[in-house]
């Protein structure tokens, strides 16, 4: 699978699994109801899906210009760090407002989510590439 279809399927699968993991965790961490935590998770998912599309578009444009196009472990780690680092910054005000906590507490919450998502993003992307193959931008040129 390649192109826009790949990006859409990738983003939806990633976020559905993420909401299923994050909503109960937030409910437990903040003694909040599941509806409140699920609503926040869905909002965060919307931000994350938009960021996912923009970040992966930029990453794949960069990747296509590289002489070595293989997705190495280092490249996957940098991809996950860039994606999750940007997302932490984007979600900070939303988390602080929704949970009625300070920006510091929201930052700590985002960092805890970052720790989870850093591993999740790496594992998910690796699994997605195994199931759907890597995008053309990461495929080695055939001689």
N, C-alpha and C. Protein backbone atom coordinates (compact mmCIF):
# COMPACT_ATOMS: atom_id res chain seq x y z
N UNK A 1 0.86 -1.17 0.00
CA UNK A 1 0.00 0.00 0.00
C UNK A 1 0.90 1.23 0.00
N UNK A 2 0.57 2.21 -0.82
CA UNK A 2 1.39 3.40 -0.96
C UNK A 2 0.51 4.65 -1.01
N UNK A 3 1.15 5.80 -0.98
CA UNK A 3 0.48 7.07 -1.18
C UNK A 3 -0.48 7.46 -0.08
N UNK A 4 -1.53 8.18 -0.50
CA UNK A 4 -2.50 8.71 0.47
C UNK A 4 -3.24 7.61 1.21
N UNK A 5 -3.56 6.53 0.53
CA UNK A 5 -4.27 5.43 1.21
C UNK A 5 -3.43 4.90 2.36
N UNK A 6 -2.14 4.75 2.16
CA UNK A 6 -1.24 4.28 3.22
C UNK A 6 -1.27 5.24 4.41
N UNK A 7 -1.17 6.53 4.12
CA UNK A 7 -1.14 7.52 5.19
C UNK A 7 -2.45 7.53 5.99
N UNK A 8 -3.57 7.42 5.30
CA UNK A 8 -4.87 7.43 5.98
C UNK A 8 -5.04 6.19 6.84
N UNK A 9 -4.77 5.02 6.28
CA UNK A 9 -4.89 3.77 7.05
C UNK A 9 -3.94 3.78 8.23
N UNK A 10 -2.72 4.25 8.01
CA UNK A 10 -1.72 4.31 9.07
C UNK A 10 -2.20 5.20 10.22
N UNK A 11 -2.67 6.39 9.91
CA UNK A 11 -3.10 7.33 10.94
C UNK A 11 -4.30 6.80 11.72
N UNK A 12 -5.28 6.26 11.01
CA UNK A 12 -6.49 5.76 11.69
C UNK A 12 -6.16 4.58 12.59
N UNK A 13 -5.41 3.62 12.10
CA UNK A 13 -5.03 2.47 12.93
C UNK A 13 -4.26 2.91 14.16
N UNK A 14 -3.31 3.79 13.95
CA UNK A 14 -2.47 4.28 15.05
C UNK A 14 -3.33 4.93 16.14
N UNK A 15 -4.23 5.80 15.74
CA UNK A 15 -5.02 6.56 16.70
C UNK A 15 -6.10 5.73 17.39
N UNK A 16 -6.72 4.81 16.70
CA UNK A 16 -7.73 3.95 17.34
C UNK A 16 -7.10 3.14 18.46
N UNK A 17 -5.94 2.56 18.19
CA UNK A 17 -5.24 1.80 19.23
C UNK A 17 -4.81 2.73 20.36
N UNK A 18 -4.33 3.92 20.00
CA UNK A 18 -3.87 4.88 21.01
C UNK A 18 -5.00 5.30 21.95
N UNK A 19 -6.17 5.64 21.41
CA UNK A 19 -7.30 6.04 22.26
C UNK A 19 -7.70 4.90 23.19
N UNK A 20 -7.69 3.69 22.68
CA UNK A 20 -8.04 2.53 23.51
C UNK A 20 -7.06 2.33 24.66
N UNK A 21 -5.83 2.77 24.50
CA UNK A 21 -4.83 2.65 25.57
C UNK A 21 -4.84 3.86 26.51
N UNK A 22 -4.95 5.06 25.94
CA UNK A 22 -4.79 6.29 26.72
C UNK A 22 -6.01 6.63 27.57
N UNK A 23 -7.21 6.46 27.05
CA UNK A 23 -8.41 6.85 27.80
C UNK A 23 -8.48 6.18 29.18
N UNK A 24 -8.33 4.87 29.28
CA UNK A 24 -8.38 4.26 30.61
C UNK A 24 -7.21 4.70 31.50
N UNK A 25 -6.05 4.93 30.90
CA UNK A 25 -4.89 5.38 31.69
C UNK A 25 -5.14 6.76 32.29
N UNK A 26 -5.70 7.68 31.50
CA UNK A 26 -6.01 9.02 32.01
C UNK A 26 -7.09 8.95 33.09
N UNK A 27 -8.08 8.11 32.88
CA UNK A 27 -9.14 7.96 33.88
C UNK A 27 -8.56 7.52 35.21
N UNK A 28 -7.63 6.59 35.17
CA UNK A 28 -6.99 6.11 36.41
C UNK A 28 -6.06 7.15 37.01
N UNK A 29 -5.24 7.79 36.20
CA UNK A 29 -4.25 8.75 36.70
C UNK A 29 -4.89 9.98 37.33
N UNK A 30 -6.01 10.42 36.79
CA UNK A 30 -6.62 11.67 37.25
C UNK A 30 -7.96 11.46 37.94
N UNK A 31 -8.28 10.22 38.23
CA UNK A 31 -9.55 9.88 38.89
C UNK A 31 -10.71 10.58 38.16
N UNK A 32 -10.65 10.51 36.84
CA UNK A 32 -11.67 11.14 35.99
C UNK A 32 -12.56 10.05 35.42
N UNK A 33 -13.75 10.42 35.04
CA UNK A 33 -14.64 9.45 34.43
C UNK A 33 -14.14 9.04 33.06
N UNK A 34 -14.58 7.87 32.62
CA UNK A 34 -14.16 7.38 31.31
C UNK A 34 -14.64 8.29 30.18
N UNK A 35 -15.84 8.86 30.32
CA UNK A 35 -16.35 9.75 29.27
C UNK A 35 -15.45 10.97 29.12
N UNK A 36 -15.06 11.57 30.26
CA UNK A 36 -14.19 12.75 30.26
C UNK A 36 -12.81 12.39 29.67
N UNK A 37 -12.27 11.27 30.09
CA UNK A 37 -10.96 10.83 29.62
C UNK A 37 -11.00 10.42 28.15
N UNK A 38 -12.08 9.78 27.75
CA UNK A 38 -12.21 9.38 26.35
C UNK A 38 -12.35 10.61 25.46
N UNK A 39 -13.11 11.60 25.90
CA UNK A 39 -13.26 12.83 25.12
C UNK A 39 -11.90 13.51 24.94
N UNK A 40 -11.12 13.59 26.02
CA UNK A 40 -9.78 14.18 25.90
C UNK A 40 -8.91 13.34 24.96
N UNK A 41 -8.99 12.04 25.09
CA UNK A 41 -8.20 11.16 24.23
C UNK A 41 -8.56 11.34 22.76
N UNK A 42 -9.85 11.50 22.48
CA UNK A 42 -10.29 11.70 21.10
C UNK A 42 -9.81 13.06 20.58
N UNK A 43 -9.88 14.10 21.42
CA UNK A 43 -9.36 15.41 21.01
C UNK A 43 -7.86 15.34 20.74
N UNK A 44 -7.13 14.68 21.65
CA UNK A 44 -5.69 14.53 21.45
C UNK A 44 -5.42 13.72 20.19
N UNK A 45 -6.27 12.75 19.92
CA UNK A 45 -6.13 11.95 18.71
C UNK A 45 -6.29 12.80 17.46
N UNK A 46 -7.26 13.71 17.48
CA UNK A 46 -7.46 14.61 16.34
C UNK A 46 -6.23 15.47 16.08
N UNK A 47 -5.67 16.02 17.15
CA UNK A 47 -4.43 16.80 17.02
C UNK A 47 -3.32 15.89 16.49
N UNK A 48 -3.23 14.71 17.08
CA UNK A 48 -2.16 13.78 16.70
C UNK A 48 -2.29 13.33 15.24
N UNK A 49 -3.52 13.09 14.78
CA UNK A 49 -3.69 12.67 13.38
C UNK A 49 -3.27 13.77 12.42
N UNK A 50 -3.63 15.00 12.75
CA UNK A 50 -3.21 16.12 11.90
C UNK A 50 -1.69 16.24 11.89
N UNK A 51 -1.10 16.14 13.07
CA UNK A 51 0.36 16.20 13.19
C UNK A 51 1.00 15.01 12.47
N UNK A 52 0.40 13.84 12.60
CA UNK A 52 0.92 12.64 11.96
C UNK A 52 1.01 12.84 10.45
N UNK A 53 -0.05 13.34 9.86
CA UNK A 53 -0.07 13.55 8.41
C UNK A 53 1.00 14.56 8.00
N UNK A 54 1.06 15.69 8.72
CA UNK A 54 2.04 16.72 8.37
C UNK A 54 3.47 16.24 8.60
N UNK A 55 3.72 15.61 9.74
CA UNK A 55 5.07 15.16 10.06
C UNK A 55 5.54 14.07 9.10
N UNK A 56 4.70 13.08 8.84
CA UNK A 56 5.10 12.00 7.94
C UNK A 56 5.29 12.49 6.50
N UNK A 57 4.49 13.45 6.08
CA UNK A 57 4.68 14.04 4.76
C UNK A 57 6.07 14.68 4.68
N UNK A 58 6.42 15.48 5.70
CA UNK A 58 7.72 16.15 5.71
C UNK A 58 8.86 15.13 5.85
N UNK A 59 8.67 14.14 6.70
CA UNK A 59 9.70 13.12 6.91
C UNK A 59 9.97 12.34 5.62
N UNK A 60 8.91 11.95 4.93
CA UNK A 60 9.08 11.17 3.71
C UNK A 60 9.68 12.01 2.58
N UNK A 61 9.39 13.31 2.56
CA UNK A 61 10.04 14.20 1.57
C UNK A 61 11.53 14.26 1.85
N UNK A 62 11.89 14.41 3.14
CA UNK A 62 13.30 14.42 3.52
C UNK A 62 13.95 13.07 3.18
N UNK A 63 13.27 11.99 3.55
CA UNK A 63 13.79 10.65 3.35
C UNK A 63 14.04 10.35 1.87
N UNK A 64 13.17 10.83 1.01
CA UNK A 64 13.31 10.57 -0.43
C UNK A 64 14.55 11.24 -1.02
N UNK A 65 15.05 12.27 -0.36
CA UNK A 65 16.25 12.97 -0.84
C UNK A 65 17.55 12.39 -0.29
N UNK A 66 17.45 11.39 0.58
CA UNK A 66 18.65 10.80 1.18
C UNK A 66 19.28 9.78 0.23
N UNK A 67 20.61 9.66 0.30
CA UNK A 67 21.28 8.66 -0.54
C UNK A 67 21.02 7.26 -0.03
N UNK A 68 20.94 7.10 1.29
CA UNK A 68 20.59 5.80 1.88
C UNK A 68 19.12 5.86 2.27
N UNK A 69 18.32 5.03 1.65
CA UNK A 69 16.88 5.12 1.83
C UNK A 69 16.32 4.03 2.73
N UNK A 70 17.15 3.23 3.32
CA UNK A 70 16.68 2.16 4.18
C UNK A 70 16.25 2.73 5.54
N UNK A 71 15.18 2.19 6.09
CA UNK A 71 14.73 2.62 7.41
C UNK A 71 15.48 1.83 8.48
N UNK A 72 16.57 2.41 8.92
CA UNK A 72 17.39 1.79 9.95
C UNK A 72 16.76 2.02 11.32
N UNK A 73 17.30 1.36 12.32
CA UNK A 73 16.82 1.56 13.69
C UNK A 73 17.03 3.02 14.09
N UNK A 74 18.18 3.60 13.77
CA UNK A 74 18.43 5.00 14.11
C UNK A 74 17.41 5.91 13.44
N UNK A 75 17.12 5.68 12.18
CA UNK A 75 16.15 6.52 11.47
C UNK A 75 14.76 6.37 12.10
N UNK A 76 14.40 5.17 12.52
CA UNK A 76 13.11 4.95 13.18
C UNK A 76 13.06 5.66 14.54
N UNK A 77 14.17 5.63 15.27
CA UNK A 77 14.23 6.32 16.56
C UNK A 77 14.08 7.83 16.35
N UNK A 78 14.80 8.38 15.39
CA UNK A 78 14.70 9.82 15.10
C UNK A 78 13.29 10.19 14.65
N UNK A 79 12.66 9.33 13.86
CA UNK A 79 11.28 9.56 13.43
C UNK A 79 10.36 9.63 14.64
N UNK A 80 10.47 8.66 15.53
CA UNK A 80 9.61 8.62 16.72
C UNK A 80 9.87 9.82 17.63
N UNK A 81 11.14 10.19 17.84
CA UNK A 81 11.47 11.34 18.68
C UNK A 81 10.91 12.64 18.10
N UNK A 82 11.08 12.83 16.80
CA UNK A 82 10.57 14.04 16.16
C UNK A 82 9.06 14.13 16.23
N UNK A 83 8.40 13.03 15.94
CA UNK A 83 6.94 13.03 15.99
C UNK A 83 6.44 13.29 17.40
N UNK A 84 6.92 12.52 18.36
CA UNK A 84 6.42 12.64 19.73
C UNK A 84 6.84 13.94 20.39
N UNK A 85 8.04 14.42 20.10
CA UNK A 85 8.48 15.70 20.66
C UNK A 85 7.60 16.85 20.19
N UNK A 86 7.28 16.87 18.91
CA UNK A 86 6.38 17.90 18.40
C UNK A 86 4.99 17.79 18.98
N UNK A 87 4.54 16.58 19.17
CA UNK A 87 3.20 16.36 19.72
C UNK A 87 3.10 16.81 21.18
N UNK A 88 4.16 16.60 21.96
CA UNK A 88 4.17 17.07 23.36
C UNK A 88 3.91 18.57 23.40
N UNK A 89 4.60 19.32 22.54
CA UNK A 89 4.44 20.77 22.50
C UNK A 89 3.03 21.16 22.06
N UNK A 90 2.49 20.48 21.07
CA UNK A 90 1.15 20.80 20.57
C UNK A 90 0.05 20.51 21.58
N UNK A 91 0.22 19.45 22.37
CA UNK A 91 -0.84 19.02 23.29
C UNK A 91 -0.80 19.69 24.66
N UNK A 92 0.28 20.37 24.99
CA UNK A 92 0.44 20.95 26.32
C UNK A 92 -0.74 21.83 26.74
N UNK A 93 -1.15 22.82 25.95
CA UNK A 93 -2.27 23.66 26.40
C UNK A 93 -3.60 22.90 26.51
N UNK A 94 -3.85 21.97 25.61
CA UNK A 94 -5.09 21.19 25.65
C UNK A 94 -5.17 20.36 26.92
N UNK A 95 -4.10 19.67 27.27
CA UNK A 95 -4.09 18.83 28.46
C UNK A 95 -4.26 19.67 29.72
N UNK A 96 -3.57 20.80 29.79
CA UNK A 96 -3.68 21.68 30.96
C UNK A 96 -5.11 22.18 31.14
N UNK A 97 -5.71 22.62 30.05
CA UNK A 97 -7.08 23.14 30.12
C UNK A 97 -8.07 22.04 30.46
N UNK A 98 -8.02 20.93 29.74
CA UNK A 98 -9.03 19.87 29.88
C UNK A 98 -9.01 19.24 31.27
N UNK A 99 -7.82 19.03 31.79
CA UNK A 99 -7.70 18.38 33.10
C UNK A 99 -7.66 19.40 34.24
N UNK A 100 -7.72 20.70 33.89
CA UNK A 100 -7.68 21.78 34.87
C UNK A 100 -6.45 21.63 35.78
N UNK A 101 -5.30 21.52 35.14
CA UNK A 101 -4.04 21.39 35.86
C UNK A 101 -3.07 22.46 35.36
N UNK A 102 -2.00 22.67 36.10
CA UNK A 102 -1.00 23.67 35.72
C UNK A 102 -0.26 23.21 34.46
N UNK A 103 0.40 24.16 33.82
CA UNK A 103 1.21 23.81 32.65
C UNK A 103 2.32 22.83 33.04
N UNK A 104 2.86 22.99 34.25
CA UNK A 104 3.89 22.07 34.72
C UNK A 104 3.33 20.65 34.84
N UNK A 105 2.16 20.53 35.47
CA UNK A 105 1.53 19.21 35.60
C UNK A 105 1.18 18.65 34.22
N UNK A 106 0.74 19.53 33.33
CA UNK A 106 0.42 19.08 31.96
C UNK A 106 1.69 18.61 31.25
N UNK A 107 2.80 19.31 31.48
CA UNK A 107 4.06 18.90 30.88
C UNK A 107 4.47 17.52 31.40
N UNK A 108 4.35 17.31 32.71
CA UNK A 108 4.68 16.00 33.28
C UNK A 108 3.77 14.91 32.72
N UNK A 109 2.49 15.24 32.57
CA UNK A 109 1.54 14.29 31.98
C UNK A 109 1.94 13.98 30.54
N UNK A 110 2.26 15.02 29.78
CA UNK A 110 2.68 14.82 28.39
C UNK A 110 3.97 14.01 28.31
N UNK A 111 4.88 14.23 29.25
CA UNK A 111 6.12 13.46 29.23
C UNK A 111 5.86 11.99 29.54
N UNK A 112 4.91 11.72 30.44
CA UNK A 112 4.54 10.33 30.71
C UNK A 112 3.91 9.71 29.46
N UNK A 113 3.04 10.46 28.80
CA UNK A 113 2.46 9.98 27.54
C UNK A 113 3.54 9.81 26.48
N UNK A 114 4.50 10.72 26.46
CA UNK A 114 5.61 10.62 25.51
C UNK A 114 6.37 9.31 25.71
N UNK A 115 6.64 8.96 26.96
CA UNK A 115 7.38 7.72 27.23
C UNK A 115 6.62 6.52 26.66
N UNK A 116 5.31 6.49 26.89
CA UNK A 116 4.50 5.41 26.32
C UNK A 116 4.52 5.45 24.80
N UNK A 117 4.24 6.64 24.24
CA UNK A 117 4.11 6.75 22.79
C UNK A 117 5.43 6.61 22.06
N UNK A 118 6.54 6.91 22.72
CA UNK A 118 7.83 6.71 22.07
C UNK A 118 8.00 5.24 21.71
N UNK A 119 7.72 4.38 22.66
CA UNK A 119 7.81 2.94 22.40
C UNK A 119 6.70 2.51 21.45
N UNK A 120 5.48 2.98 21.71
CA UNK A 120 4.34 2.60 20.87
C UNK A 120 4.56 3.01 19.41
N UNK A 121 5.03 4.24 19.17
CA UNK A 121 5.25 4.72 17.80
C UNK A 121 6.28 3.85 17.07
N UNK A 122 7.34 3.52 17.77
CA UNK A 122 8.38 2.69 17.17
C UNK A 122 7.83 1.31 16.80
N UNK A 123 7.17 0.68 17.76
CA UNK A 123 6.64 -0.67 17.55
C UNK A 123 5.52 -0.66 16.50
N UNK A 124 4.62 0.32 16.59
CA UNK A 124 3.52 0.40 15.63
C UNK A 124 4.07 0.57 14.21
N UNK A 125 4.99 1.53 14.03
CA UNK A 125 5.49 1.80 12.68
C UNK A 125 6.22 0.60 12.11
N UNK A 126 7.00 -0.07 12.95
CA UNK A 126 7.69 -1.28 12.50
C UNK A 126 6.68 -2.34 12.07
N UNK A 127 5.66 -2.56 12.89
CA UNK A 127 4.63 -3.54 12.56
C UNK A 127 3.85 -3.15 11.31
N UNK A 128 3.53 -1.87 11.19
CA UNK A 128 2.80 -1.39 10.02
C UNK A 128 3.62 -1.63 8.75
N UNK A 129 4.92 -1.33 8.82
CA UNK A 129 5.78 -1.56 7.66
C UNK A 129 5.89 -3.05 7.33
N UNK A 130 5.85 -3.91 8.34
CA UNK A 130 5.91 -5.35 8.09
C UNK A 130 4.63 -5.83 7.40
N UNK A 131 3.50 -5.30 7.82
CA UNK A 131 2.22 -5.72 7.24
C UNK A 131 2.01 -5.10 5.85
N UNK A 132 2.30 -3.81 5.70
CA UNK A 132 1.99 -3.10 4.45
C UNK A 132 3.22 -2.77 3.61
N UNK A 133 4.40 -3.17 4.03
CA UNK A 133 5.68 -2.86 3.39
C UNK A 133 6.00 -1.38 3.59
N UNK A 134 7.27 -1.04 3.46
CA UNK A 134 7.70 0.35 3.65
C UNK A 134 7.24 1.18 2.46
N UNK A 135 7.10 2.51 2.66
CA UNK A 135 6.70 3.36 1.53
C UNK A 135 7.82 3.42 0.49
N UNK A 136 7.47 3.85 -0.69
CA UNK A 136 8.46 3.96 -1.77
C UNK A 136 9.66 4.81 -1.36
N UNK A 137 9.43 5.82 -0.53
CA UNK A 137 10.52 6.71 -0.10
C UNK A 137 11.60 5.97 0.66
N UNK A 138 11.28 4.81 1.23
CA UNK A 138 12.26 4.06 2.03
C UNK A 138 12.76 2.81 1.32
N UNK A 139 12.30 2.57 0.11
CA UNK A 139 12.71 1.35 -0.60
C UNK A 139 14.02 1.60 -1.33
N UNK A 140 14.88 0.59 -1.28
CA UNK A 140 16.16 0.65 -1.98
C UNK A 140 15.91 0.62 -3.49
N UNK A 141 16.71 1.37 -4.22
CA UNK A 141 16.61 1.34 -5.68
C UNK A 141 17.03 -0.04 -6.18
N UNK A 142 16.28 -0.56 -7.15
CA UNK A 142 16.61 -1.87 -7.73
C UNK A 142 17.52 -1.67 -8.93
N UNK A 143 18.56 -2.49 -9.00
CA UNK A 143 19.54 -2.37 -10.11
C UNK A 143 19.03 -3.07 -11.34
